[in-house]
Each structure stands twice: as structure tokens, then as C-alpha cells.
Amino acid sequence: MTPPTAPIFDGEAEAKLIALRCSEPPAGYARWTLRLLEKKVVELNIIESASHSTIGRLLKKHSPAPPPGQSRYIAALTY
């Protein structure tokens, strides 16, 4: 059995990532991408390394669910 690994992000690092995501994106970009966030958290020494998919999972964990019936991800069915 493989021993468990320590989480990449602790509570403080998660908070910093979320604050970074809520800040203005770098010049020349309209929004933060997962790959931009991946580079920036390492550049700011928030963490040593993480993949963009790890960052995406963490941000998804903290995003609120849309109200019932108002999901922007589910297209309305038309007959």
C-alpha cells in the first residue's frame, strides 16, 4: 500500500490562491487562467510547485454552486 502524501496546499496557501484569483489578472490578459495561476503561485513562493489541474480542483472546491434552475452550464432543452 502506498503511504498518503501531504497536501500541496494548506489553508493559508489556499487562501492566498483564492485571493490571487480574485485580483486583477496580469497586464495583457482579460482573466486568470489555470496556467497563469500555476506560474504565479510558484513565483510568489506560495507553494513550490503544483499543476494547473491541482489548482483547478482546489478552485472548484471553493466555488459556489449556482441556484437551482439557474445553472449556466446546462442548456435549456427545446422541442
C-alpha atoms as a PDB file:
ATOM      1  CA  MET A   1       0.000   0.000   0.000  1.00  0.00           C
ATOM      2  CA  THR A   2       1.297   3.462  -0.886  1.00  0.00           C
ATOM      3  CA  PRO A   3       1.546   5.866   2.059  1.00  0.00           C
ATOM      4  CA  PRO A   4      -0.559   9.037   1.834  1.00  0.00           C
ATOM      5  CA  THR A   5       1.113  12.194   0.580  1.00  0.00           C
ATOM      6  CA  ALA A   6       0.924  15.565   2.265  1.00  0.00           C
ATOM      7  CA  PRO A   7      -1.440  18.078   0.653  1.00  0.00           C
ATOM      8  CA  ILE A   8       0.218  20.614  -1.637  1.00  0.00           C
ATOM      9  CA  PHE A   9      -1.948  23.476  -0.379  1.00  0.00           C
ATOM     10  CA  ASP A  10      -2.532  24.158   3.303  1.00  0.00           C
ATOM     11  CA  GLY A  11      -5.234  26.565   4.466  1.00  0.00           C
ATOM     12  CA  GLU A  12      -3.009  29.625   4.200  1.00  0.00           C
ATOM     13  CA  ALA A  13      -1.820  28.750   0.692  1.00  0.00           C
ATOM     14  CA  GLU A  14      -5.417  28.073  -0.402  1.00  0.00           C
ATOM     15  CA  ALA A  15      -6.480  31.483   0.892  1.00  0.00           C
ATOM     16  CA  LYS A  16      -3.624  33.169  -0.977  1.00  0.00           C
ATOM     17  CA  LEU A  17      -4.525  31.338  -4.196  1.00  0.00           C
ATOM     18  CA  ILE A  18      -8.169  32.383  -3.918  1.00  0.00           C
ATOM     19  CA  ALA A  19      -7.167  35.985  -3.195  1.00  0.00           C
ATOM     20  CA  LEU A  20      -4.860  35.907  -6.212  1.00  0.00           C
ATOM     21  CA  ARG A  21      -7.658  34.518  -8.397  1.00  0.00           C
ATOM     22  CA  CYS A  22      -9.930  37.364  -7.264  1.00  0.00           C
ATOM     23  CA  SER A  23      -7.308  40.010  -8.072  1.00  0.00           C
ATOM     24  CA  GLU A  24      -6.730  41.708 -11.407  1.00  0.00           C
ATOM     25  CA  PRO A  25      -5.067  39.455 -13.998  1.00  0.00           C
ATOM     26  CA  PRO A  26      -1.608  40.320 -15.330  1.00  0.00           C
ATOM     27  CA  ALA A  27      -1.290  43.031 -17.965  1.00  0.00           C
ATOM     28  CA  GLY A  28      -2.294  41.750 -21.377  1.00  0.00           C
ATOM     29  CA  TYR A  29      -4.773  39.173 -20.013  1.00  0.00           C
ATOM     30  CA  ALA A  30      -8.524  39.542 -19.593  1.00  0.00           C
ATOM     31  CA  ARG A  31      -8.737  36.888 -16.864  1.00  0.00           C
ATOM     32  CA  TRP A  32      -6.650  34.462 -14.853  1.00  0.00           C
ATOM     33  CA  THR A  33      -6.103  31.076 -16.476  1.00  0.00           C
ATOM     34  CA  LEU A  34      -5.147  27.973 -14.531  1.00  0.00           C
ATOM     35  CA  ARG A  35      -1.702  28.002 -16.131  1.00  0.00           C
ATOM     36  CA  LEU A  36      -1.147  31.673 -15.228  1.00  0.00           C
ATOM     37  CA  LEU A  37      -2.145  30.916 -11.640  1.00  0.00           C
ATOM     38  CA  GLU A  38       0.155  27.887 -11.655  1.00  0.00           C
ATOM     39  CA  LYS A  39       3.128  30.071 -12.583  1.00  0.00           C
ATOM     40  CA  LYS A  40       2.226  32.941 -10.263  1.00  0.00           C
ATOM     41  CA  VAL A  41       1.830  30.870  -7.071  1.00  0.00           C
ATOM     42  CA  VAL A  42       5.304  29.449  -7.618  1.00  0.00           C
ATOM     43  CA  GLU A  43       6.741  32.883  -8.492  1.00  0.00           C
ATOM     44  CA  LEU A  44       5.266  34.349  -5.270  1.00  0.00           C
ATOM     45  CA  ASN A  45       6.622  31.394  -3.233  1.00  0.00           C
ATOM     46  CA  ILE A  46       3.141  30.414  -2.087  1.00  0.00           C
ATOM     47  CA  ILE A  47       3.997  26.798  -2.960  1.00  0.00           C
ATOM     48  CA  GLU A  48       6.987  25.068  -4.527  1.00  0.00           C
ATOM     49  CA  SER A  49       5.098  23.524  -7.430  1.00  0.00           C
ATOM     50  CA  ALA A  50       1.617  22.448  -8.492  1.00  0.00           C
ATOM     51  CA  SER A  51      -0.065  21.501 -11.718  1.00  0.00           C
ATOM     52  CA  HIS A  52      -2.786  23.570 -13.293  1.00  0.00           C
ATOM     53  CA  SER A  53      -5.189  20.671 -12.722  1.00  0.00           C
ATOM     54  CA  THR A  54      -4.484  20.741  -8.967  1.00  0.00           C
ATOM     55  CA  ILE A  55      -5.223  24.462  -8.925  1.00  0.00           C
ATOM     56  CA  GLY A  56      -8.414  23.882 -10.900  1.00  0.00           C
ATOM     57  CA  ARG A  57      -9.627  21.220  -8.461  1.00  0.00           C
ATOM     58  CA  LEU A  58      -8.914  23.486  -5.499  1.00  0.00           C
ATOM     59  CA  LEU A  59     -10.757  26.439  -7.037  1.00  0.00           C
ATOM     60  CA  LYS A  60     -13.685  24.215  -7.998  1.00  0.00           C
ATOM     61  CA  LYS A  61     -13.899  23.014  -4.399  1.00  0.00           C
ATOM     62  CA  HIS A  62     -14.365  26.618  -3.258  1.00  0.00           C
ATOM     63  CA  SER A  63     -16.730  27.855  -5.968  1.00  0.00           C
ATOM     64  CA  PRO A  64     -20.391  28.193  -5.030  1.00  0.00           C
ATOM     65  CA  ALA A  65     -22.993  26.103  -6.798  1.00  0.00           C
ATOM     66  CA  PRO A  66     -25.483  28.020  -8.947  1.00  0.00           C
ATOM     67  CA  PRO A  67     -29.043  28.339  -7.621  1.00  0.00           C
ATOM     68  CA  PRO A  68     -31.373  25.519  -8.681  1.00  0.00           C
ATOM     69  CA  GLY A  69     -32.755  26.063 -12.166  1.00  0.00           C
ATOM     70  CA  GLN A  70     -30.230  28.785 -12.977  1.00  0.00           C
ATOM     71  CA  SER A  71     -27.221  26.755 -13.981  1.00  0.00           C
ATOM     72  CA  ARG A  72     -25.283  28.457 -16.740  1.00  0.00           C
ATOM     73  CA  TYR A  73     -23.689  25.135 -17.665  1.00  0.00           C
ATOM     74  CA  ILE A  74     -26.851  23.248 -18.556  1.00  0.00           C
ATOM     75  CA  ALA A  75     -28.502  24.262 -21.795  1.00  0.00           C
ATOM     76  CA  ALA A  76     -32.259  24.526 -21.872  1.00  0.00           C
ATOM     77  CA  LEU A  77     -33.963  21.807 -23.847  1.00  0.00           C
ATOM     78  CA  THR A  78     -36.161  22.908 -26.726  1.00  0.00           C
ATOM     79  CA  TYR A  79     -38.554  20.703 -28.616  1.00  0.00           C
END
